[in-house]
C-alpha atoms as a PDB file:
ATOM      1  CA  MET A   1     -68.695 -44.373 150.810  1.00  0.00           C
ATOM      2  CA  LEU A   2     -71.658 -44.752 153.142  1.00  0.00           C
ATOM      3  CA  LYS A   3     -71.781 -48.523 152.684  1.00  0.00           C
ATOM      4  CA  SER A   4     -68.084 -48.871 153.424  1.00  0.00           C
ATOM      5  CA  LEU A   5     -68.528 -47.028 156.707  1.00  0.00           C
ATOM      6  CA  LEU A   6     -71.554 -48.886 158.001  1.00  0.00           C
ATOM      7  CA  PHE A   7     -69.867 -51.837 159.638  1.00  0.00           C
ATOM      8  CA  LEU A   8     -67.317 -49.555 161.296  1.00  0.00           C
ATOM      9  CA  LEU A   9     -70.011 -47.318 162.724  1.00  0.00           C
ATOM     10  CA  VAL A  10     -72.849 -49.627 163.741  1.00  0.00           C
ATOM     11  CA  VAL A  11     -72.974 -51.033 167.248  1.00  0.00           C
ATOM     12  CA  VAL A  12     -75.633 -51.990 169.699  1.00  0.00           C
ATOM     13  CA  LEU A  13     -75.518 -49.514 172.558  1.00  0.00           C
ATOM     14  CA  VAL A  14     -73.799 -50.816 175.653  1.00  0.00           C
ATOM     15  CA  SER A  15     -74.784 -50.194 179.252  1.00  0.00           C
ATOM     16  CA  LEU A  16     -71.333 -48.816 180.092  1.00  0.00           C
ATOM     17  CA  PRO A  17     -70.145 -45.319 179.136  1.00  0.00           C
ATOM     18  CA  ARG A  18     -68.019 -45.553 175.977  1.00  0.00           C
ATOM     19  CA  SER A  19     -65.083 -44.043 177.884  1.00  0.00           C
ATOM     20  CA  GLU A  20     -65.051 -47.231 179.981  1.00  0.00           C
ATOM     21  CA  LEU A  21     -65.054 -49.680 177.075  1.00  0.00           C
ATOM     22  CA  ARG A  22     -62.287 -52.281 177.044  1.00  0.00           C
ATOM     23  CA  ALA A  23     -61.652 -55.473 175.125  1.00  0.00           C
ATOM     24  CA  ALA A  24     -63.493 -58.595 176.206  1.00  0.00           C
ATOM     25  CA  ASP A  25     -61.647 -61.170 178.253  1.00  0.00           C
ATOM     26  CA  ILE A  26     -61.979 -64.461 176.347  1.00  0.00           C
ATOM     27  CA  SER A  27     -60.846 -67.580 178.186  1.00  0.00           C
ATOM     28  CA  SER A  28     -61.515 -71.314 178.055  1.00  0.00           C
ATOM     29  CA  GLY A  29     -60.991 -74.586 179.838  1.00  0.00           C
ATOM     30  CA  ARG A  30     -62.133 -78.158 180.400  1.00  0.00           C
ATOM     31  CA  LEU A  31     -65.756 -78.270 181.555  1.00  0.00           C
ATOM     32  CA  TYR A  32     -65.798 -81.633 183.341  1.00  0.00           C
ATOM     33  CA  ARG A  33     -63.183 -83.845 184.995  1.00  0.00           C
ATOM     34  CA  VAL A  34     -63.935 -86.604 182.481  1.00  0.00           C
ATOM     35  CA  GLY A  35     -64.720 -86.459 178.778  1.00  0.00           C
ATOM     36  CA  SER A  36     -63.706 -83.881 176.185  1.00  0.00           C
ATOM     37  CA  SER A  37     -66.291 -81.115 176.689  1.00  0.00           C
ATOM     38  CA  ALA A  38     -64.903 -77.587 177.157  1.00  0.00           C
ATOM     39  CA  TYR A  39     -66.200 -74.082 177.775  1.00  0.00           C
ATOM     40  CA  ILE A  40     -65.356 -70.637 176.423  1.00  0.00           C
ATOM     41  CA  VAL A  41     -66.117 -67.492 178.434  1.00  0.00           C
ATOM     42  CA  VAL A  42     -66.613 -64.142 176.681  1.00  0.00           C
ATOM     43  CA  ARG A  43     -66.573 -61.520 179.418  1.00  0.00           C
ATOM     44  CA  GLY A  44     -66.736 -57.741 179.003  1.00  0.00           C
ATOM     45  CA  PRO A  45     -67.579 -55.306 176.193  1.00  0.00           C
ATOM     46  CA  ILE A  46     -67.380 -56.684 172.638  1.00  0.00           C
ATOM     47  CA  THR A  47     -64.738 -54.748 170.694  1.00  0.00           C
ATOM     48  CA  ALA A  48     -62.771 -54.991 167.444  1.00  0.00           C
ATOM     49  CA  GLY A  49     -60.661 -58.153 167.253  1.00  0.00           C
ATOM     50  CA  ASP A  50     -62.785 -60.209 169.669  1.00  0.00           C
ATOM     51  CA  ALA A  51     -64.010 -62.559 166.912  1.00  0.00           C
ATOM     52  CA  ASP A  52     -60.399 -63.440 166.077  1.00  0.00           C
ATOM     53  CA  ARG A  53     -59.624 -63.938 169.762  1.00  0.00           C
ATOM     54  CA  PHE A  54     -62.629 -66.224 170.047  1.00  0.00           C
ATOM     55  CA  LYS A  55     -61.445 -68.215 167.034  1.00  0.00           C
ATOM     56  CA  LYS A  56     -58.010 -68.656 168.606  1.00  0.00           C
ATOM     57  CA  GLN A  57     -59.541 -70.048 171.802  1.00  0.00           C
ATOM     58  CA  ALA A  58     -61.798 -72.423 169.869  1.00  0.00           C
ATOM     59  CA  LEU A  59     -59.008 -73.726 167.637  1.00  0.00           C
ATOM     60  CA  ASP A  60     -56.645 -74.150 170.584  1.00  0.00           C
ATOM     61  CA  LEU A  61     -59.244 -76.280 172.400  1.00  0.00           C
ATOM     62  CA  ILE A  62     -59.917 -78.435 169.342  1.00  0.00           C
ATOM     63  CA  LYS A  63     -56.194 -78.999 168.753  1.00  0.00           C
ATOM     64  CA  ARG A  64     -55.998 -80.272 172.341  1.00  0.00           C
ATOM     65  CA  GLY A  65     -58.767 -82.772 171.633  1.00  0.00           C
ATOM     66  CA  LEU A  66     -61.442 -80.792 173.490  1.00  0.00           C
ATOM     67  CA  ILE A  67     -64.882 -79.870 172.169  1.00  0.00           C
ATOM     68  CA  PRO A  68     -66.169 -76.328 172.863  1.00  0.00           C
ATOM     69  CA  GLY A  69     -69.619 -77.325 174.064  1.00  0.00           C
ATOM     70  CA  ILE A  70     -70.793 -74.190 175.848  1.00  0.00           C
ATOM     71  CA  VAL A  71     -70.045 -70.479 175.385  1.00  0.00           C
ATOM     72  CA  ARG A  72     -70.736 -68.283 178.413  1.00  0.00           C
ATOM     73  CA  VAL A  73     -71.455 -64.705 177.387  1.00  0.00           C
ATOM     74  CA  TYR A  74     -71.356 -61.976 180.015  1.00  0.00           C
ATOM     75  CA  SER A  75     -71.233 -58.556 178.399  1.00  0.00           C
ATOM     76  CA  PRO A  76     -72.960 -55.156 178.390  1.00  0.00           C
ATOM     77  CA  GLY A  77     -72.750 -55.211 174.569  1.00  0.00           C
ATOM     78  CA  GLY A  78     -70.536 -53.560 171.981  1.00  0.00           C
ATOM     79  CA  ASP A  79     -69.513 -54.087 168.374  1.00  0.00           C
ATOM     80  CA  VAL A  80     -72.260 -55.711 166.278  1.00  0.00           C
ATOM     81  CA  THR A  81     -69.942 -56.956 163.516  1.00  0.00           C
ATOM     82  CA  GLU A  82     -67.757 -58.798 166.032  1.00  0.00           C
ATOM     83  CA  ALA A  83     -70.815 -60.218 167.790  1.00  0.00           C
ATOM     84  CA  LEU A  84     -72.261 -61.574 164.543  1.00  0.00           C
ATOM     85  CA  SER A  85     -68.967 -63.248 163.698  1.00  0.00           C
ATOM     86  CA  ILE A  86     -68.674 -64.863 167.132  1.00  0.00           C
ATOM     87  CA  GLY A  87     -72.293 -65.996 166.893  1.00  0.00           C
ATOM     88  CA  ARG A  88     -71.777 -67.675 163.535  1.00  0.00           C
ATOM     89  CA  GLN A  89     -68.644 -69.373 164.831  1.00  0.00           C
ATOM     90  CA  LEU A  90     -70.375 -70.864 167.842  1.00  0.00           C
ATOM     91  CA  ARG A  91     -73.340 -71.958 165.717  1.00  0.00           C
ATOM     92  CA  THR A  92     -70.867 -73.863 163.513  1.00  0.00           C
ATOM     93  CA  LEU A  93     -69.493 -75.497 166.649  1.00  0.00           C
ATOM     94  CA  GLY A  94     -73.008 -76.489 167.694  1.00  0.00           C
ATOM     95  CA  ALA A  95     -72.290 -75.027 171.132  1.00  0.00           C
ATOM     96  CA  SER A  96     -74.900 -73.956 173.646  1.00  0.00           C
ATOM     97  CA  THR A  97     -74.838 -70.508 175.235  1.00  0.00           C
ATOM     98  CA  GLN A  98     -75.079 -69.381 178.837  1.00  0.00           C
ATOM     99  CA  ALA A  99     -76.209 -65.921 179.971  1.00  0.00           C
ATOM    100  CA  PRO A 100     -76.275 -64.819 183.632  1.00  0.00           C
ATOM    101  CA  LEU A 101     -78.665 -66.515 186.021  1.00  0.00           C
ATOM    102  CA  ARG A 102     -81.043 -64.528 188.220  1.00  0.00           C
ATOM    103  CA  LEU A 103     -80.493 -66.132 191.606  1.00  0.00           C
ATOM    104  CA  SER A 104     -83.807 -65.100 193.136  1.00  0.00           C
ATOM    105  CA  ASP A 105     -85.617 -67.155 190.481  1.00  0.00           C
ATOM    106  CA  TYR A 106     -84.133 -70.304 192.031  1.00  0.00           C
ATOM    107  CA  ASN A 107     -83.638 -69.314 195.658  1.00  0.00           C
ATOM    108  CA  PRO A 108     -86.198 -66.909 197.165  1.00  0.00           C
ATOM    109  CA  THR A 109     -83.888 -66.156 200.094  1.00  0.00           C
ATOM    110  CA  VAL A 110     -81.436 -64.429 197.748  1.00  0.00           C
ATOM    111  CA  LYS A 111     -81.761 -60.665 197.386  1.00  0.00           C
ATOM    112  CA  PRO A 112     -84.049 -59.955 194.389  1.00  0.00           C
ATOM    113  CA  GLY A 113     -82.262 -58.942 191.200  1.00  0.00           C
ATOM    114  CA  ALA A 114     -78.896 -60.596 191.897  1.00  0.00           C
ATOM    115  CA  ASN A 115     -77.146 -61.976 188.788  1.00  0.00           C
ATOM    116  CA  ALA A 116     -74.778 -64.957 188.906  1.00  0.00           C
ATOM    117  CA  CYS A 117     -72.258 -65.973 186.237  1.00  0.00           C
ATOM    118  CA  PRO A 118     -70.295 -69.254 186.364  1.00  0.00           C
ATOM    119  CA  ILE A 119     -66.840 -68.812 184.820  1.00  0.00           C
ATOM    120  CA  GLY A 120     -64.949 -72.025 185.520  1.00  0.00           C
ATOM    121  CA  ASP A 121     -65.397 -75.787 185.333  1.00  0.00           C
ATOM    122  CA  ASP A 122     -68.646 -77.482 186.305  1.00  0.00           C
ATOM    123  CA  LEU A 123     -67.494 -78.728 189.693  1.00  0.00           C
ATOM    124  CA  THR A 124     -65.035 -76.280 191.226  1.00  0.00           C
ATOM    125  CA  GLY A 125     -65.314 -73.193 189.019  1.00  0.00           C
ATOM    126  CA  LYS A 126     -65.751 -69.670 190.361  1.00  0.00           C
ATOM    127  CA  TRP A 127     -68.797 -67.423 190.019  1.00  0.00           C
ATOM    128  CA  LEU A 128     -69.245 -63.721 189.358  1.00  0.00           C
ATOM    129  CA  TYR A 129     -72.072 -61.828 191.040  1.00  0.00           C
ATOM    130  CA  TYR A 130     -73.730 -58.508 190.278  1.00  0.00           C
ATOM    131  CA  LEU A 131     -76.592 -56.623 191.888  1.00  0.00           C
ATOM    132  CA  PRO A 132     -77.916 -54.167 189.250  1.00  0.00           C
ATOM    133  CA  PRO A 133     -80.095 -52.075 191.619  1.00  0.00           C
ATOM    134  CA  THR A 134     -77.031 -51.023 193.616  1.00  0.00           C
ATOM    135  CA  GLY A 135     -74.217 -51.540 191.102  1.00  0.00           C
ATOM    136  CA  GLN A 136     -72.428 -53.853 193.537  1.00  0.00           C
ATOM    137  CA  GLY A 137     -70.336 -56.673 192.149  1.00  0.00           C
ATOM    138  CA  ASP A 138     -68.945 -57.398 188.687  1.00  0.00           C
ATOM    139  CA  VAL A 139     -70.586 -55.195 186.039  1.00  0.00           C
ATOM    140  CA  ASP A 140     -69.781 -57.767 183.336  1.00  0.00           C
ATOM    141  CA  CYS A 141     -72.286 -60.195 184.864  1.00  0.00           C
ATOM    142  CA  VAL A 142     -75.056 -59.161 182.444  1.00  0.00           C
ATOM    143  CA  CYS A 143     -75.944 -60.025 178.854  1.00  0.00           C
ATOM    144  CA  ALA A 144     -77.346 -57.075 176.958  1.00  0.00           C
ATOM    145  CA  SER A 145     -77.288 -55.455 173.537  1.00  0.00           C
ATOM    146  CA  ALA A 146     -74.696 -57.119 171.277  1.00  0.00           C
ATOM    147  CA  CYS A 147     -74.372 -59.906 173.843  1.00  0.00           C
ATOM    148  CA  PHE A 148     -77.888 -61.007 172.860  1.00  0.00           C
ATOM    149  CA  LEU A 149     -76.678 -61.541 169.273  1.00  0.00           C
ATOM    150  CA  ILE A 150     -74.035 -63.987 170.503  1.00  0.00           C
ATOM    151  CA  TRP A 151     -76.376 -65.700 172.969  1.00  0.00           C
ATOM    152  CA  ALA A 152     -78.998 -66.121 170.238  1.00  0.00           C
ATOM    153  CA  ALA A 153     -76.650 -68.355 168.221  1.00  0.00           C
ATOM    154  CA  GLY A 154     -76.576 -71.093 170.856  1.00  0.00           C
ATOM    155  CA  THR A 155     -77.843 -74.578 170.096  1.00  0.00           C
ATOM    156  CA  GLY A 156     -79.330 -74.656 173.557  1.00  0.00           C
ATOM    157  CA  ARG A 157     -79.811 -71.201 175.089  1.00  0.00           C
ATOM    158  CA  HIS A 158     -79.548 -70.919 178.872  1.00  0.00           C
ATOM    159  CA  GLY A 159     -79.775 -68.025 181.307  1.00  0.00           C
ATOM    160  CA  ASP A 160     -82.182 -65.420 182.635  1.00  0.00           C
ATOM    161  CA  VAL A 161     -80.637 -61.964 182.175  1.00  0.00           C
ATOM    162  CA  ILE A 162     -80.798 -61.011 178.489  1.00  0.00           C
ATOM    163  CA  GLY A 163     -81.360 -57.389 177.471  1.00  0.00           C
ATOM    164  CA  VAL A 164     -82.331 -56.196 173.986  1.00  0.00           C
ATOM    165  CA  HIS A 165     -82.777 -52.937 172.110  1.00  0.00           C
ATOM    166  CA  ARG A 166     -82.286 -51.434 168.653  1.00  0.00           C
ATOM    167  CA  PRO A 167     -78.782 -50.816 167.272  1.00  0.00           C
ATOM    168  CA  SER A 168     -77.277 -47.356 167.051  1.00  0.00           C
ATOM    169  CA  PHE A 169     -74.195 -45.782 165.469  1.00  0.00           C
ATOM    170  CA  VAL A 170     -70.975 -45.221 167.381  1.00  0.00           C
ATOM    171  CA  ASP A 171     -70.632 -41.767 165.892  1.00  0.00           C
ATOM    172  CA  GLN A 172     -73.935 -40.253 166.939  1.00  0.00           C
ATOM    173  CA  ALA A 173     -72.825 -36.785 165.794  1.00  0.00           C
ATOM    174  CA  TRP A 174     -72.156 -38.129 162.281  1.00  0.00           C
ATOM    175  CA  TYR A 175     -75.510 -39.883 162.165  1.00  0.00           C
ATOM    176  CA  GLY A 176     -77.322 -36.842 163.494  1.00  0.00           C
ATOM    177  CA  ARG A 177     -75.925 -34.674 160.685  1.00  0.00           C
ATOM    178  CA  LEU A 178     -77.179 -36.945 157.903  1.00  0.00           C
ATOM    179  CA  PRO A 179     -80.113 -35.774 155.764  1.00  0.00           C
ATOM    180  CA  LEU A 180     -83.242 -37.714 156.730  1.00  0.00           C
ATOM    181  CA  ASP A 181     -83.287 -39.824 153.553  1.00  0.00           C
ATOM    182  CA  ALA A 182     -79.628 -40.802 154.021  1.00  0.00           C
ATOM    183  CA  ALA A 183     -80.243 -41.502 157.737  1.00  0.00           C
ATOM    184  CA  LYS A 184     -83.110 -43.821 156.796  1.00  0.00           C
ATOM    185  CA  LYS A 185     -81.013 -45.722 154.250  1.00  0.00           C
ATOM    186  CA  ALA A 186     -78.148 -46.119 156.699  1.00  0.00           C
ATOM    187  CA  TYR A 187     -80.371 -47.311 159.515  1.00  0.00           C
ATOM    188  CA  ASP A 188     -82.469 -49.603 157.334  1.00  0.00           C
ATOM    189  CA  ARG A 189     -79.327 -51.383 156.180  1.00  0.00           C
ATOM    190  CA  SER A 190     -78.149 -51.989 159.732  1.00  0.00           C
ATOM    191  CA  VAL A 191     -81.624 -53.203 160.714  1.00  0.00           C
ATOM    192  CA  ASN A 192     -81.821 -55.570 157.727  1.00  0.00           C
ATOM    193  CA  GLU A 193     -78.412 -57.052 158.558  1.00  0.00           C
ATOM    194  CA  ALA A 194     -79.328 -57.685 162.185  1.00  0.00           C
ATOM    195  CA  GLN A 195     -82.762 -59.105 161.353  1.00  0.00           C
ATOM    196  CA  ALA A 196     -81.345 -61.437 158.700  1.00  0.00           C
ATOM    197  CA  TYR A 197     -78.849 -62.774 161.231  1.00  0.00           C
ATOM    198  CA  LEU A 198     -81.515 -63.321 163.902  1.00  0.00           C
ATOM    199  CA  ARG A 199     -83.697 -65.218 161.432  1.00  0.00           C
ATOM    200  CA  GLU A 200     -80.643 -67.276 160.457  1.00  0.00           C
ATOM    201  CA  MET A 201     -80.413 -68.176 164.149  1.00  0.00           C
ATOM    202  CA  GLU A 202     -84.134 -69.070 164.171  1.00  0.00           C
ATOM    203  CA  ILE A 203     -85.176 -66.291 166.531  1.00  0.00           C
ATOM    204  CA  PRO A 204     -88.988 -65.895 166.441  1.00  0.00           C
ATOM    205  CA  ASP A 205     -90.337 -62.790 164.719  1.00  0.00           C
ATOM    206  CA  SER A 206     -92.115 -61.828 167.948  1.00  0.00           C
ATOM    207  CA  ILE A 207     -88.754 -61.470 169.727  1.00  0.00           C
ATOM    208  CA  ILE A 208     -87.234 -59.578 166.793  1.00  0.00           C
ATOM    209  CA  LYS A 209     -90.190 -57.168 166.833  1.00  0.00           C
ATOM    210  CA  THR A 210     -89.757 -56.689 170.577  1.00  0.00           C
ATOM    211  CA  MET A 211     -86.071 -55.902 170.129  1.00  0.00           C
ATOM    212  CA  PHE A 212     -86.658 -53.280 167.447  1.00  0.00           C
ATOM    213  CA  ALA A 213     -89.508 -51.697 169.398  1.00  0.00           C
ATOM    214  CA  VAL A 214     -87.037 -50.623 172.112  1.00  0.00           C
ATOM    215  CA  ASP A 215     -85.045 -47.461 171.366  1.00  0.00           C
ATOM    216  CA  SER A 216     -81.261 -47.568 171.541  1.00  0.00           C
ATOM    217  CA  ARG A 217     -81.119 -45.575 174.785  1.00  0.00           C
ATOM    218  CA  SER A 218     -83.438 -47.978 176.620  1.00  0.00           C
ATOM    219  CA  MET A 219     -83.258 -51.684 177.469  1.00  0.00           C
ATOM    220  CA  TYR A 220     -85.837 -54.463 177.663  1.00  0.00           C
ATOM    221  CA  TYR A 221     -84.894 -57.595 179.590  1.00  0.00           C
ATOM    222  CA  LEU A 222     -86.556 -60.701 178.231  1.00  0.00           C
ATOM    223  CA  GLU A 223     -89.179 -62.114 180.553  1.00  0.00           C
ATOM    224  CA  LYS A 224     -89.662 -65.804 181.199  1.00  0.00           C
ATOM    225  CA  ARG A 225     -92.394 -66.058 178.552  1.00  0.00           C
ATOM    226  CA  ASP A 226     -89.965 -64.535 176.014  1.00  0.00           C
ATOM    227  CA  ARG A 227     -87.162 -66.909 176.958  1.00  0.00           C
ATOM    228  CA  LEU A 228     -89.463 -69.918 176.618  1.00  0.00           C
ATOM    229  CA  GLN A 229     -89.975 -68.959 172.962  1.00  0.00           C
ATOM    230  CA  LEU A 230     -86.199 -69.158 172.509  1.00  0.00           C
ATOM    231  CA  TYR A 231     -85.840 -72.629 174.011  1.00  0.00           C
ATOM    232  CA  ASN A 232     -83.968 -74.795 171.492  1.00  0.00           C
ATOM    233  CA  SER A 233     -82.136 -77.445 173.491  1.00  0.00           C
ATOM    234  CA  SER A 234     -81.913 -81.028 172.262  1.00  0.00           C
ATOM    235  CA  VAL A 235     -84.721 -82.592 174.267  1.00  0.00           C
ATOM    236  CA  HIS A 236     -83.500 -86.151 173.709  1.00  0.00           C
ATOM    237  CA  LEU A 237     -80.116 -85.193 175.171  1.00  0.00           C
ATOM    238  CA  GLU A 238     -81.781 -83.612 178.192  1.00  0.00           C
ATOM    239  CA  GLU A 239     -83.855 -86.740 178.778  1.00  0.00           C
ATOM    240  CA  VAL A 240     -80.824 -89.014 178.398  1.00  0.00           C
ATOM    241  CA  THR A 241     -79.041 -86.822 180.941  1.00  0.00           C
ATOM    242  CA  LEU A 242     -81.941 -87.141 183.397  1.00  0.00           C
ATOM    243  CA  ALA A 243     -82.131 -90.905 182.862  1.00  0.00           C
ATOM    244  CA  ARG A 244     -78.407 -91.463 183.408  1.00  0.00           C
ATOM    245  CA  CYS A 245     -77.434 -88.713 185.817  1.00  0.00           C
ATOM    246  CA  GLY A 246     -80.623 -87.710 187.616  1.00  0.00           C
ATOM    247  CA  LYS A 247     -81.162 -84.282 189.211  1.00  0.00           C
ATOM    248  CA  LEU A 248     -79.487 -82.777 192.234  1.00  0.00           C
ATOM    249  CA  GLY A 249     -81.440 -81.948 195.355  1.00  0.00           C
ATOM    250  CA  ALA A 250     -81.662 -78.535 196.996  1.00  0.00           C
ATOM    251  CA  GLU A 251     -78.410 -78.877 198.979  1.00  0.00           C
ATOM    252  CA  PRO A 252     -76.258 -81.592 197.375  1.00  0.00           C
ATOM    253  CA  SER A 253     -72.991 -82.700 198.906  1.00  0.00           C
ATOM    254  CA  PHE A 254     -69.714 -82.311 197.038  1.00  0.00           C
ATOM    255  CA  GLU A 255     -69.676 -86.062 196.413  1.00  0.00           C
ATOM    256  CA  GLN A 256     -73.154 -85.937 194.861  1.00  0.00           C
ATOM    257  CA  ARG A 257     -72.180 -82.991 192.697  1.00  0.00           C
ATOM    258  CA  ALA A 258     -68.962 -84.719 191.635  1.00  0.00           C
ATOM    259  CA  LYS A 259     -70.783 -87.927 190.702  1.00  0.00           C
ATOM    260  CA  ARG A 260     -73.307 -86.056 188.566  1.00  0.00           C
ATOM    261  CA  SER A 261     -70.590 -83.886 186.987  1.00  0.00           C
ATOM    262  CA  ASP A 262     -68.627 -86.966 185.962  1.00  0.00           C
ATOM    263  CA  CYS A 263     -71.811 -88.461 184.531  1.00  0.00           C
ATOM    264  CA  LEU A 264     -72.421 -85.321 182.479  1.00  0.00           C
ATOM    265  CA  GLY A 265     -68.824 -85.345 181.291  1.00  0.00           C
ATOM    266  CA  ALA A 266     -69.270 -88.838 179.913  1.00  0.00           C
ATOM    267  CA  ILE A 267     -72.253 -87.662 177.830  1.00  0.00           C
ATOM    268  CA  TYR A 268     -71.317 -84.214 176.569  1.00  0.00           C
ATOM    269  CA  GLY A 269     -68.458 -83.775 174.137  1.00  0.00           C
ATOM    270  CA  ALA A 270     -69.106 -87.090 172.408  1.00  0.00           C
ATOM    271  CA  ASP A 271     -70.346 -85.382 169.228  1.00  0.00           C
ATOM    272  CA  LYS A 272     -67.279 -84.091 167.381  1.00  0.00           C
ATOM    273  CA  SER A 273     -69.045 -83.135 164.131  1.00  0.00           C
ATOM    274  CA  GLY A 274     -69.266 -79.439 165.047  1.00  0.00           C
ATOM    275  CA  ALA A 275     -65.548 -79.258 165.769  1.00  0.00           C
ATOM    276  CA  ALA A 276     -64.748 -80.933 162.443  1.00  0.00           C
ATOM    277  CA  GLU A 277     -66.935 -78.442 160.550  1.00  0.00           C
ATOM    278  CA  TYR A 278     -65.347 -75.568 162.471  1.00  0.00           C
ATOM    279  CA  ILE A 279     -61.876 -76.649 161.370  1.00  0.00           C
ATOM    280  CA  LYS A 280     -63.056 -76.738 157.742  1.00  0.00           C
ATOM    281  CA  ARG A 281     -64.491 -73.220 157.899  1.00  0.00           C
ATOM    282  CA  TYR A 282     -62.075 -71.412 160.167  1.00  0.00           C
ATOM    283  CA  GLY A 283     -58.737 -73.151 159.721  1.00  0.00           C
ATOM    284  CA  GLY A 284     -56.489 -74.790 162.208  1.00  0.00           C
ATOM    285  CA  ASP A 285     -53.544 -76.089 160.221  1.00  0.00           C
END
């Protein structure tokens, strides 16, 4: 009985009160004006059914001849089981992941602590903003708890605002009533499942240890030295991009941005092997 309940009860604590939880908004679109690369945005708390909604978006894009190349994850956390499923799906796709950017890391004139989340296409898409110290802006513009599990699956992990901590059970009263030996067995199983997944996604043991050193009522945001350990982009692809498309200056014009965006579009989305494997595993008749 205990084993059958575990996946219904285990979550990673979110930074929103549970009374405010709602389903994630999962959307998608073409990433560049040219080429076949597309994006998927997962925005909001991760709840039951989100993995199926993600699958629908991915299959719809592939049927239209588009390749889901990047998954943007902006969420305070939520259901671990759903997060693991989404993570394994995007790893099959070979997609990269994008967490919020911390604007002050790139522009010192920006108020410290401001998060920024792109949600549209590369050239004309909109952005969400959030200032955690004051609570101003869009509260979804974070990536914490179960969001980290999705972000970790990226083949190319981007972003600055990634929060981690140990999992907990939705029904804290139920867990609190368990005898200590039963509580240990229940928690150990949830820990083993999460750690096995993170190792599957090639997360270093040092990061896993950091995550499980933080209690479920606290949050540790990965520092730059932590994020460097998680760097897993295709370096040859980055160098080809630099060679063909160059880098933008501090204040590029729209024409310069458009030229580089079109150049990127001609490069990304060319590899369709991930989409083919996704169809084999997840359907799409």
